[in-house]
Amino acid sequence: MLNLVIPVALAMMTVAMALNLWRVVRGPDLPDRIIGLDTLYVNTIALLVLFGIGESNAVYFEAALLIAMMGFVGTVALCKYLLRGDVIE
């Protein structure tokens, strides 16, 4: 059953990532683009976890953790820039 579910979930995540990329490129405002980037990295984490489950390899989980940490810092920096116009005070 897992051999059927993993490719379907990977295909769905790929479609979700394409839609997020579309929002980043065509977003009407800067906050919409930031939310698009935020959901794009969350979908990337899910994609890596699915690869890790499918391949039975823990390296994908570690990469997902690193992307989660960097994505959080990036989102905070972009939001701070949007609110204040400067990242470093």
PDB file of N, CA and C in Angstrom:
ATOM      1  N   MET A   1       0.819  -1.197   0.000  1.00  0.00           N
ATOM      2  CA  MET A   1       0.000   0.000   0.000  1.00  0.00           C
ATOM      3  C   MET A   1       0.865   1.264   0.000  1.00  0.00           C
ATOM      4  N   LEU A   2       1.981   1.213   0.749  1.00  0.00           N
ATOM      5  CA  LEU A   2       2.861   2.376   0.812  1.00  0.00           C
ATOM      6  C   LEU A   2       3.506   2.661  -0.536  1.00  0.00           C
ATOM      7  N   ASN A   3       3.728   1.626  -1.333  1.00  0.00           N
ATOM      8  CA  ASN A   3       4.315   1.818  -2.659  1.00  0.00           C
ATOM      9  C   ASN A   3       3.376   2.554  -3.593  1.00  0.00           C
ATOM     10  N   LEU A   4       2.101   2.561  -3.305  1.00  0.00           N
ATOM     11  CA  LEU A   4       1.130   3.291  -4.118  1.00  0.00           C
ATOM     12  C   LEU A   4       0.911   4.709  -3.597  1.00  0.00           C
ATOM     13  N   VAL A   5       0.923   4.860  -2.293  1.00  0.00           N
ATOM     14  CA  VAL A   5       0.595   6.149  -1.685  1.00  0.00           C
ATOM     15  C   VAL A   5       1.721   7.167  -1.852  1.00  0.00           C
ATOM     16  N   ILE A   6       2.960   6.746  -1.712  1.00  0.00           N
ATOM     17  CA  ILE A   6       4.092   7.676  -1.789  1.00  0.00           C
ATOM     18  C   ILE A   6       4.163   8.383  -3.143  1.00  0.00           C
ATOM     19  N   PRO A   7       4.090   7.700  -4.301  1.00  0.00           N
ATOM     20  CA  PRO A   7       4.134   8.434  -5.569  1.00  0.00           C
ATOM     21  C   PRO A   7       2.954   9.381  -5.768  1.00  0.00           C
ATOM     22  N   VAL A   8       1.789   9.001  -5.286  1.00  0.00           N
ATOM     23  CA  VAL A   8       0.620   9.890  -5.397  1.00  0.00           C
ATOM     24  C   VAL A   8       0.831  11.140  -4.547  1.00  0.00           C
ATOM     25  N   ALA A   9       1.329  10.955  -3.324  1.00  0.00           N
ATOM     26  CA  ALA A   9       1.594  12.099  -2.454  1.00  0.00           C
ATOM     27  C   ALA A   9       2.701  12.989  -3.020  1.00  0.00           C
ATOM     28  N   LEU A  10       3.723  12.388  -3.628  1.00  0.00           N
ATOM     29  CA  LEU A  10       4.779  13.178  -4.263  1.00  0.00           C
ATOM     30  C   LEU A  10       4.232  14.000  -5.419  1.00  0.00           C
ATOM     31  N   ALA A  11       3.344  13.422  -6.187  1.00  0.00           N
ATOM     32  CA  ALA A  11       2.734  14.163  -7.300  1.00  0.00           C
ATOM     33  C   ALA A  11       1.891  15.323  -6.783  1.00  0.00           C
ATOM     34  N   MET A  12       1.135  15.084  -5.723  1.00  0.00           N
ATOM     35  CA  MET A  12       0.319  16.162  -5.152  1.00  0.00           C
ATOM     36  C   MET A  12       1.184  17.283  -4.586  1.00  0.00           C
ATOM     37  N   MET A  13       2.274  16.922  -3.936  1.00  0.00           N
ATOM     38  CA  MET A  13       3.159  17.946  -3.390  1.00  0.00           C
ATOM     39  C   MET A  13       3.842  18.737  -4.506  1.00  0.00           C
ATOM     40  N   THR A  14       4.148  18.078  -5.609  1.00  0.00           N
ATOM     41  CA  THR A  14       4.741  18.773  -6.744  1.00  0.00           C
ATOM     42  C   THR A  14       3.767  19.790  -7.334  1.00  0.00           C
ATOM     43  N   VAL A  15       2.516  19.413  -7.437  1.00  0.00           N
ATOM     44  CA  VAL A  15       1.495  20.344  -7.926  1.00  0.00           C
ATOM     45  C   VAL A  15       1.328  21.509  -6.955  1.00  0.00           C
ATOM     46  N   ALA A  16       1.325  21.216  -5.658  1.00  0.00           N
ATOM     47  CA  ALA A  16       1.210  22.273  -4.651  1.00  0.00           C
ATOM     48  C   ALA A  16       2.396  23.227  -4.724  1.00  0.00           C
ATOM     49  N   MET A  17       3.591  22.687  -4.946  1.00  0.00           N
ATOM     50  CA  MET A  17       4.767  23.548  -5.057  1.00  0.00           C
ATOM     51  C   MET A  17       4.707  24.420  -6.309  1.00  0.00           C
ATOM     52  N   ALA A  18       4.174  23.879  -7.395  1.00  0.00           N
ATOM     53  CA  ALA A  18       4.024  24.672  -8.615  1.00  0.00           C
ATOM     54  C   ALA A  18       3.029  25.812  -8.389  1.00  0.00           C
ATOM     55  N   LEU A  19       1.952  25.541  -7.679  1.00  0.00           N
ATOM     56  CA  LEU A  19       0.986  26.597  -7.381  1.00  0.00           C
ATOM     57  C   LEU A  19       1.571  27.649  -6.443  1.00  0.00           C
ATOM     58  N   ASN A  20       2.390  27.219  -5.481  1.00  0.00           N
ATOM     59  CA  ASN A  20       3.054  28.179  -4.601  1.00  0.00           C
ATOM     60  C   ASN A  20       4.041  29.042  -5.374  1.00  0.00           C
ATOM     61  N   LEU A  21       4.752  28.442  -6.298  1.00  0.00           N
ATOM     62  CA  LEU A  21       5.684  29.209  -7.122  1.00  0.00           C
ATOM     63  C   LEU A  21       4.934  30.229  -7.975  1.00  0.00           C
ATOM     64  N   TRP A  22       3.783  29.847  -8.442  1.00  0.00           N
ATOM     65  CA  TRP A  22       2.944  30.784  -9.208  1.00  0.00           C
ATOM     66  C   TRP A  22       2.545  31.973  -8.332  1.00  0.00           C
ATOM     67  N   ARG A  23       2.217  31.722  -7.070  1.00  0.00           N
ATOM     68  CA  ARG A  23       1.847  32.806  -6.157  1.00  0.00           C
ATOM     69  C   ARG A  23       3.041  33.702  -5.881  1.00  0.00           C
ATOM     70  N   VAL A  24       4.228  33.135  -5.800  1.00  0.00           N
ATOM     71  CA  VAL A  24       5.422  33.939  -5.559  1.00  0.00           C
ATOM     72  C   VAL A  24       5.699  34.835  -6.768  1.00  0.00           C
ATOM     73  N   VAL A  25       5.546  34.296  -7.953  1.00  0.00           N
ATOM     74  CA  VAL A  25       5.835  35.071  -9.162  1.00  0.00           C
ATOM     75  C   VAL A  25       4.743  36.098  -9.444  1.00  0.00           C
ATOM     76  N   ARG A  26       3.494  35.712  -9.321  1.00  0.00           N
ATOM     77  CA  ARG A  26       2.377  36.577  -9.716  1.00  0.00           C
ATOM     78  C   ARG A  26       1.622  37.202  -8.549  1.00  0.00           C
ATOM     79  N   GLY A  27       2.168  37.103  -7.330  1.00  0.00           N
ATOM     80  CA  GLY A  27       1.454  37.635  -6.175  1.00  0.00           C
ATOM     81  C   GLY A  27       1.152  39.115  -6.337  1.00  0.00           C
ATOM     82  N   PRO A  28      -0.056  39.538  -5.982  1.00  0.00           N
ATOM     83  CA  PRO A  28      -0.381  40.949  -6.173  1.00  0.00           C
ATOM     84  C   PRO A  28       0.401  41.873  -5.239  1.00  0.00           C
ATOM     85  N   ASP A  29       0.691  41.412  -4.037  1.00  0.00           N
ATOM     86  CA  ASP A  29       1.397  42.252  -3.069  1.00  0.00           C
ATOM     87  C   ASP A  29       2.611  41.506  -2.526  1.00  0.00           C
ATOM     88  N   LEU A  30       3.454  42.248  -1.826  1.00  0.00           N
ATOM     89  CA  LEU A  30       4.622  41.633  -1.189  1.00  0.00           C
ATOM     90  C   LEU A  30       4.237  40.647  -0.086  1.00  0.00           C
ATOM     91  N   PRO A  31       3.221  40.937   0.745  1.00  0.00           N
ATOM     92  CA  PRO A  31       2.839  39.919   1.742  1.00  0.00           C
ATOM     93  C   PRO A  31       2.366  38.604   1.110  1.00  0.00           C
ATOM     94  N   ASP A  32       1.691  38.664  -0.029  1.00  0.00           N
ATOM     95  CA  ASP A  32       1.281  37.440  -0.706  1.00  0.00           C
ATOM     96  C   ASP A  32       2.486  36.645  -1.189  1.00  0.00           C
ATOM     97  N   ARG A  33       3.500  37.338  -1.634  1.00  0.00           N
ATOM     98  CA  ARG A  33       4.721  36.654  -2.072  1.00  0.00           C
ATOM     99  C   ARG A  33       5.454  36.024  -0.893  1.00  0.00           C
ATOM    100  N   ILE A  34       5.456  36.703   0.245  1.00  0.00           N
ATOM    101  CA  ILE A  34       6.088  36.138   1.436  1.00  0.00           C
ATOM    102  C   ILE A  34       5.349  34.891   1.891  1.00  0.00           C
ATOM    103  N   ILE A  35       4.028  34.930   1.880  1.00  0.00           N
ATOM    104  CA  ILE A  35       3.246  33.748   2.257  1.00  0.00           C
ATOM    105  C   ILE A  35       3.476  32.623   1.251  1.00  0.00           C
ATOM    106  N   GLY A  36       3.613  32.965  -0.029  1.00  0.00           N
ATOM    107  CA  GLY A  36       3.919  31.956  -1.038  1.00  0.00           C
ATOM    108  C   GLY A  36       5.259  31.291  -0.782  1.00  0.00           C
ATOM    109  N   LEU A  37       6.261  32.081  -0.421  1.00  0.00           N
ATOM    110  CA  LEU A  37       7.575  31.507  -0.094  1.00  0.00           C
ATOM    111  C   LEU A  37       7.507  30.645   1.159  1.00  0.00           C
ATOM    112  N   ASP A  38       6.728  31.096   2.133  1.00  0.00           N
ATOM    113  CA  ASP A  38       6.589  30.340   3.369  1.00  0.00           C
ATOM    114  C   ASP A  38       5.954  28.981   3.103  1.00  0.00           C
ATOM    115  N   THR A  39       4.894  28.951   2.345  1.00  0.00           N
ATOM    116  CA  THR A  39       4.252  27.673   2.046  1.00  0.00           C
ATOM    117  C   THR A  39       5.106  26.832   1.101  1.00  0.00           C
ATOM    118  N   LEU A  40       5.924  27.483   0.279  1.00  0.00           N
ATOM    119  CA  LEU A  40       6.816  26.735  -0.598  1.00  0.00           C
ATOM    120  C   LEU A  40       7.858  25.969   0.200  1.00  0.00           C
ATOM    121  N   TYR A  41       8.418  26.593   1.220  1.00  0.00           N
ATOM    122  CA  TYR A  41       9.400  25.842   2.002  1.00  0.00           C
ATOM    123  C   TYR A  41       8.728  24.784   2.874  1.00  0.00           C
ATOM    124  N   VAL A  42       7.503  25.011   3.313  1.00  0.00           N
ATOM    125  CA  VAL A  42       6.788  23.972   4.064  1.00  0.00           C
ATOM    126  C   VAL A  42       6.513  22.773   3.157  1.00  0.00           C
ATOM    127  N   ASN A  43       6.132  23.032   1.912  1.00  0.00           N
ATOM    128  CA  ASN A  43       5.909  21.936   0.970  1.00  0.00           C
ATOM    129  C   ASN A  43       7.214  21.225   0.621  1.00  0.00           C
ATOM    130  N   THR A  44       8.313  21.952   0.594  1.00  0.00           N
ATOM    131  CA  THR A  44       9.608  21.328   0.357  1.00  0.00           C
ATOM    132  C   THR A  44       9.971  20.386   1.501  1.00  0.00           C
ATOM    133  N   ILE A  45       9.657  20.799   2.716  1.00  0.00           N
ATOM    134  CA  ILE A  45       9.889  19.931   3.872  1.00  0.00           C
ATOM    135  C   ILE A  45       9.062  18.662   3.742  1.00  0.00           C
ATOM    136  N   ALA A  46       7.789  18.806   3.386  1.00  0.00           N
ATOM    137  CA  ALA A  46       6.927  17.630   3.230  1.00  0.00           C
ATOM    138  C   ALA A  46       7.438  16.724   2.117  1.00  0.00           C
ATOM    139  N   LEU A  47       7.924  17.313   1.035  1.00  0.00           N
ATOM    140  CA  LEU A  47       8.457  16.526  -0.074  1.00  0.00           C
ATOM    141  C   LEU A  47       9.694  15.737   0.363  1.00  0.00           C
ATOM    142  N   LEU A  48      10.568  16.368   1.124  1.00  0.00           N
ATOM    143  CA  LEU A  48      11.755  15.666   1.616  1.00  0.00           C
ATOM    144  C   LEU A  48      11.398  14.555   2.591  1.00  0.00           C
ATOM    145  N   VAL A  49      10.411  14.786   3.432  1.00  0.00           N
ATOM    146  CA  VAL A  49       9.978  13.735   4.357  1.00  0.00           C
ATOM    147  C   VAL A  49       9.397  12.559   3.581  1.00  0.00           C
ATOM    148  N   LEU A  50       8.622  12.844   2.545  1.00  0.00           N
ATOM    149  CA  LEU A  50       8.081  11.766   1.715  1.00  0.00           C
ATOM    150  C   LEU A  50       9.194  10.982   1.023  1.00  0.00           C
ATOM    151  N   PHE A  51      10.214  11.685   0.515  1.00  0.00           N
ATOM    152  CA  PHE A  51      11.367  10.997  -0.075  1.00  0.00           C
ATOM    153  C   PHE A  51      12.053  10.126   0.958  1.00  0.00           C
ATOM    154  N   GLY A  52      12.200  10.661   2.177  1.00  0.00           N
ATOM    155  CA  GLY A  52      12.844   9.896   3.239  1.00  0.00           C
ATOM    156  C   GLY A  52      12.077   8.641   3.603  1.00  0.00           C
ATOM    157  N   ILE A  53      10.759   8.734   3.630  1.00  0.00           N
ATOM    158  CA  ILE A  53       9.948   7.557   3.917  1.00  0.00           C
ATOM    159  C   ILE A  53      10.049   6.557   2.777  1.00  0.00           C
ATOM    160  N   GLY A  54       9.991   7.058   1.556  1.00  0.00           N
ATOM    161  CA  GLY A  54      10.056   6.173   0.402  1.00  0.00           C
ATOM    162  C   GLY A  54      11.392   5.478   0.243  1.00  0.00           C
ATOM    163  N   GLU A  55      12.472   6.166   0.536  1.00  0.00           N
ATOM    164  CA  GLU A  55      13.822   5.614   0.387  1.00  0.00           C
ATOM    165  C   GLU A  55      14.340   4.958   1.664  1.00  0.00           C
ATOM    166  N   SER A  56      13.645   5.143   2.778  1.00  0.00           N
ATOM    167  CA  SER A  56      14.083   4.651   4.093  1.00  0.00           C
ATOM    168  C   SER A  56      15.476   5.168   4.437  1.00  0.00           C
ATOM    169  N   ASN A  57      15.645   6.483   4.277  1.00  0.00           N
ATOM    170  CA  ASN A  57      16.931   7.110   4.496  1.00  0.00           C
ATOM    171  C   ASN A  57      16.735   8.317   5.414  1.00  0.00           C
ATOM    172  N   ALA A  58      17.506   8.377   6.495  1.00  0.00           N
ATOM    173  CA  ALA A  58      17.345   9.441   7.484  1.00  0.00           C
ATOM    174  C   ALA A  58      17.972  10.763   7.055  1.00  0.00           C
ATOM    175  N   VAL A  59      18.776  10.768   6.010  1.00  0.00           N
ATOM    176  CA  VAL A  59      19.426  11.998   5.561  1.00  0.00           C
ATOM    177  C   VAL A  59      18.388  13.009   5.091  1.00  0.00           C
ATOM    178  N   TYR A  60      17.320  12.542   4.484  1.00  0.00           N
ATOM    179  CA  TYR A  60      16.260  13.435   4.011  1.00  0.00           C
ATOM    180  C   TYR A  60      15.583  14.147   5.182  1.00  0.00           C
ATOM    181  N   PHE A  61      15.445  13.468   6.315  1.00  0.00           N
ATOM    182  CA  PHE A  61      14.826  14.086   7.478  1.00  0.00           C
ATOM    183  C   PHE A  61      15.714  15.187   8.055  1.00  0.00           C
ATOM    184  N   GLU A  62      17.013  14.968   8.042  1.00  0.00           N
ATOM    185  CA  GLU A  62      17.938  15.990   8.517  1.00  0.00           C
ATOM    186  C   GLU A  62      17.933  17.203   7.593  1.00  0.00           C
ATOM    187  N   ALA A  63      17.862  16.962   6.301  1.00  0.00           N
ATOM    188  CA  ALA A  63      17.779  18.074   5.346  1.00  0.00           C
ATOM    189  C   ALA A  63      16.477  18.844   5.532  1.00  0.00           C
ATOM    190  N   ALA A  64      15.392  18.144   5.817  1.00  0.00           N
ATOM    191  CA  ALA A  64      14.109  18.811   6.060  1.00  0.00           C
ATOM    192  C   ALA A  64      14.184  19.681   7.307  1.00  0.00           C
ATOM    193  N   LEU A  65      14.879  19.213   8.323  1.00  0.00           N
ATOM    194  CA  LEU A  65      15.036  20.002   9.536  1.00  0.00           C
ATOM    195  C   LEU A  65      15.845  21.269   9.273  1.00  0.00           C
ATOM    196  N   LEU A  66      16.900  21.161   8.494  1.00  0.00           N
ATOM    197  CA  LEU A  66      17.704  22.344   8.152  1.00  0.00           C
ATOM    198  C   LEU A  66      16.894  23.347   7.334  1.00  0.00           C
ATOM    199  N   ILE A  67      16.116  22.865   6.390  1.00  0.00           N
ATOM    200  CA  ILE A  67      15.285  23.762   5.586  1.00  0.00           C
ATOM    201  C   ILE A  67      14.229  24.432   6.454  1.00  0.00           C
ATOM    202  N   ALA A  68      13.691  23.718   7.431  1.00  0.00           N
ATOM    203  CA  ALA A  68      12.703  24.304   8.334  1.00  0.00           C
ATOM    204  C   ALA A  68      13.305  25.454   9.143  1.00  0.00           C
ATOM    205  N   MET A  69      14.514  25.246   9.655  1.00  0.00           N
ATOM    206  CA  MET A  69      15.156  26.299  10.441  1.00  0.00           C
ATOM    207  C   MET A  69      15.488  27.509   9.574  1.00  0.00           C
ATOM    208  N   MET A  70      16.045  27.269   8.401  1.00  0.00           N
ATOM    209  CA  MET A  70      16.404  28.381   7.522  1.00  0.00           C
ATOM    210  C   MET A  70      15.168  29.096   6.981  1.00  0.00           C
ATOM    211  N   GLY A  71      14.118  28.344   6.717  1.00  0.00           N
ATOM    212  CA  GLY A  71      12.884  28.954   6.244  1.00  0.00           C
ATOM    213  C   GLY A  71      12.247  29.838   7.293  1.00  0.00           C
ATOM    214  N   PHE A  72      12.288  29.410   8.542  1.00  0.00           N
ATOM    215  CA  PHE A  72      11.736  30.237   9.614  1.00  0.00           C
ATOM    216  C   PHE A  72      12.499  31.550   9.738  1.00  0.00           C
ATOM    217  N   VAL A  73      13.820  31.465   9.731  1.00  0.00           N
ATOM    218  CA  VAL A  73      14.637  32.676   9.840  1.00  0.00           C
ATOM    219  C   VAL A  73      14.399  33.589   8.640  1.00  0.00           C
ATOM    220  N   GLY A  74      14.290  33.009   7.462  1.00  0.00           N
ATOM    221  CA  GLY A  74      14.027  33.814   6.267  1.00  0.00           C
ATOM    222  C   GLY A  74      12.676  34.502   6.308  1.00  0.00           C
ATOM    223  N   THR A  75      11.661  33.805   6.777  1.00  0.00           N
ATOM    224  CA  THR A  75      10.333  34.402   6.879  1.00  0.00           C
ATOM    225  C   THR A  75      10.313  35.533   7.888  1.00  0.00           C
ATOM    226  N   VAL A  76      10.982  35.349   9.014  1.00  0.00           N
ATOM    227  CA  VAL A  76      11.053  36.408  10.019  1.00  0.00           C
ATOM    228  C   VAL A  76      11.791  37.621   9.468  1.00  0.00           C
ATOM    229  N   ALA A  77      12.878  37.387   8.751  1.00  0.00           N
ATOM    230  CA  ALA A  77      13.641  38.504   8.184  1.00  0.00           C
ATOM    231  C   ALA A  77      12.827  39.255   7.133  1.00  0.00           C
ATOM    232  N   LEU A  78      12.117  38.527   6.279  1.00  0.00           N
ATOM    233  CA  LEU A  78      11.295  39.200   5.268  1.00  0.00           C
ATOM    234  C   LEU A  78      10.156  39.995   5.892  1.00  0.00           C
ATOM    235  N   CYS A  79       9.532  39.448   6.916  1.00  0.00           N
ATOM    236  CA  CYS A  79       8.448  40.167   7.587  1.00  0.00           C
ATOM    237  C   CYS A  79       8.971  41.400   8.315  1.00  0.00           C
ATOM    238  N   LYS A  80      10.140  41.273   8.921  1.00  0.00           N
ATOM    239  CA  LYS A  80      10.735  42.427   9.591  1.00  0.00           C
ATOM    240  C   LYS A  80      11.088  43.510   8.581  1.00  0.00           C
ATOM    241  N   TYR A  81      11.594  43.109   7.432  1.00  0.00           N
ATOM    242  CA  TYR A  81      11.892  44.083   6.378  1.00  0.00           C
ATOM    243  C   TYR A  81      10.612  44.749   5.881  1.00  0.00           C
ATOM    244  N   LEU A  82       9.557  43.974   5.760  1.00  0.00           N
ATOM    245  CA  LEU A  82       8.285  44.522   5.279  1.00  0.00           C
ATOM    246  C   LEU A  82       7.716  45.532   6.280  1.00  0.00           C
ATOM    247  N   LEU A  83       7.831  45.244   7.570  1.00  0.00           N
ATOM    248  CA  LEU A  83       7.265  46.149   8.574  1.00  0.00           C
ATOM    249  C   LEU A  83       8.120  47.368   8.825  1.00  0.00           C
ATOM    250  N   ARG A  84       9.449  47.197   8.882  1.00  0.00           N
ATOM    251  CA  ARG A  84      10.315  48.295   9.289  1.00  0.00           C
ATOM    252  C   ARG A  84      11.154  48.877   8.154  1.00  0.00           C
ATOM    253  N   GLY A  85      11.319  48.160   7.074  1.00  0.00           N
ATOM    254  CA  GLY A  85      12.148  48.646   5.993  1.00  0.00           C
ATOM    255  C   GLY A  85      13.609  48.329   6.171  1.00  0.00           C
ATOM    256  N   ASP A  86      13.954  47.661   7.280  1.00  0.00           N
ATOM    257  CA  ASP A  86      15.341  47.307   7.567  1.00  0.00           C
ATOM    258  C   ASP A  86      15.334  46.024   8.388  1.00  0.00           C
ATOM    259  N   VAL A  87      16.281  45.147   8.109  1.00  0.00           N
ATOM    260  CA  VAL A  87      16.339  43.881   8.828  1.00  0.00           C
ATOM    261  C   VAL A  87      17.157  44.042  10.107  1.00  0.00           C
ATOM    262  N   ILE A  88      18.296  44.707  10.003  1.00  0.00           N
ATOM    263  CA  ILE A  88      19.193  44.880  11.144  1.00  0.00           C
ATOM    264  C   ILE A  88      19.020  46.297  11.666  1.00  0.00           C
ATOM    265  N   GLU A  89      18.779  46.382  12.950  1.00  0.00           N
ATOM    266  CA  GLU A  89      18.547  47.707  13.556  1.00  0.00           C
ATOM    267  C   GLU A  89      19.830  48.360  13.931  1.00  0.00           C
TER     268      GLU A  89
END
